[in-house]
Protein backbone atom coordinates (compact mmCIF):
# COMPACT_ATOMS: atom_id res chain seq x y z
CA MET A 1 -100.35 11.99 27.21
CA LYS A 2 -98.38 8.60 27.09
CA CYS A 3 -95.46 8.43 29.69
CA GLU A 4 -91.62 8.44 28.38
CA LYS A 5 -90.92 6.06 31.54
CA ILE A 6 -93.53 3.55 30.94
CA ASN A 7 -91.03 0.55 29.98
CA ASN A 8 -88.52 1.08 32.52
CA CYS A 9 -90.41 2.35 35.24
CA PRO A 10 -89.46 0.75 38.56
CA PHE A 11 -93.01 0.25 40.33
CA TYR A 12 -93.29 -2.42 36.81
CA GLN A 13 -89.57 -3.48 37.61
CA GLN A 14 -90.13 -4.92 41.10
CA LYS A 15 -93.79 -4.24 41.94
CA MET A 16 -96.29 -5.95 39.63
CA PRO A 17 -96.20 -7.10 35.97
CA ILE A 18 -97.14 -4.62 33.52
CA ASP A 19 -98.73 -6.79 31.01
CA SER A 20 -101.57 -8.43 33.20
CA GLY A 21 -103.70 -7.95 35.96
CA LEU A 22 -103.80 -4.61 38.37
CA GLY A 23 -100.46 -4.00 36.28
CA ALA A 24 -102.10 -3.99 32.69
CA ILE A 25 -105.12 -1.33 34.49
CA TYR A 26 -102.28 0.71 35.78
CA ARG A 27 -100.83 1.00 32.27
CA ARG A 28 -103.77 1.36 30.46
CA ASN A 29 -105.06 4.36 33.25
CA TYR A 30 -102.19 5.76 33.90
CA CYS A 31 -99.05 5.51 31.70
CA GLU A 32 -101.22 5.11 28.17
CA THR A 33 -103.88 7.60 28.99
CA ASP A 34 -102.83 10.38 31.19
CA LYS A 35 -99.52 10.17 33.06
CA THR A 36 -100.10 13.56 35.03
CA LYS A 37 -102.78 11.74 37.29
CA CYS A 38 -100.15 8.99 38.07
CA ALA A 39 -98.91 9.65 41.44
CA ARG A 40 -95.44 8.33 40.74
CA PHE A 41 -95.56 10.91 38.24
CA MET A 42 -96.38 13.98 40.11
CA VAL A 43 -93.75 13.49 42.53
CA ALA A 44 -90.82 12.38 40.42
CA SER A 45 -92.13 15.87 38.10
CA THR A 46 -91.84 17.83 41.03
CA LEU A 47 -89.54 16.64 43.69
CA GLY A 48 -87.33 14.70 41.32
CA PRO A 49 -87.34 10.80 40.90
CA SER A 50 -85.36 10.45 44.16
CA TYR A 51 -88.57 11.33 45.87
CA VAL A 52 -90.45 8.52 44.86
CA PRO A 53 -91.04 5.40 47.16
CA ILE A 54 -90.61 2.27 45.29
CA ASP A 55 -94.31 1.13 47.33
CA LEU A 56 -95.87 4.25 45.59
CA TYR A 57 -98.78 3.02 43.40
CA PRO A 58 -99.44 5.33 40.99
CA ASN A 59 -102.86 5.66 42.40
CA MET A 60 -102.27 6.80 45.54
CA VAL A 61 -102.22 10.83 44.63
CA ASP A 62 -103.28 11.82 48.23
CA ARG A 63 -99.84 9.84 49.55
CA ALA A 64 -98.29 12.02 46.79
CA LYS A 65 -99.64 15.35 47.31
CA GLN A 66 -98.34 14.47 51.13
CA ILE A 67 -94.66 13.51 49.87
CA ILE A 68 -94.69 16.69 47.65
CA SER A 69 -96.28 18.84 50.72
CA GLU A 70 -93.31 17.70 53.01
CA ASN A 71 -90.36 17.76 50.84
CA SER A 72 -91.27 21.39 48.76
CA GLN A 73 -89.51 24.21 50.27
CA GLY A 74 -91.66 27.33 50.66
């Protein structure tokens, strides 16, 4: 499930290049393979994009779950 935001994800625009090094690994593992495993996607799809901190890396699933838990109603 390739992520539709791959070309304009704020993480890659402001944090790291998507075509080399760690950015390329993240792109392959999260953006091009299974976006549902991406911490950024988890927060954005559950709470909305405004809840995604710029410093949330795709592999920070525990932090994503914490953000979701702290901001979910109910």
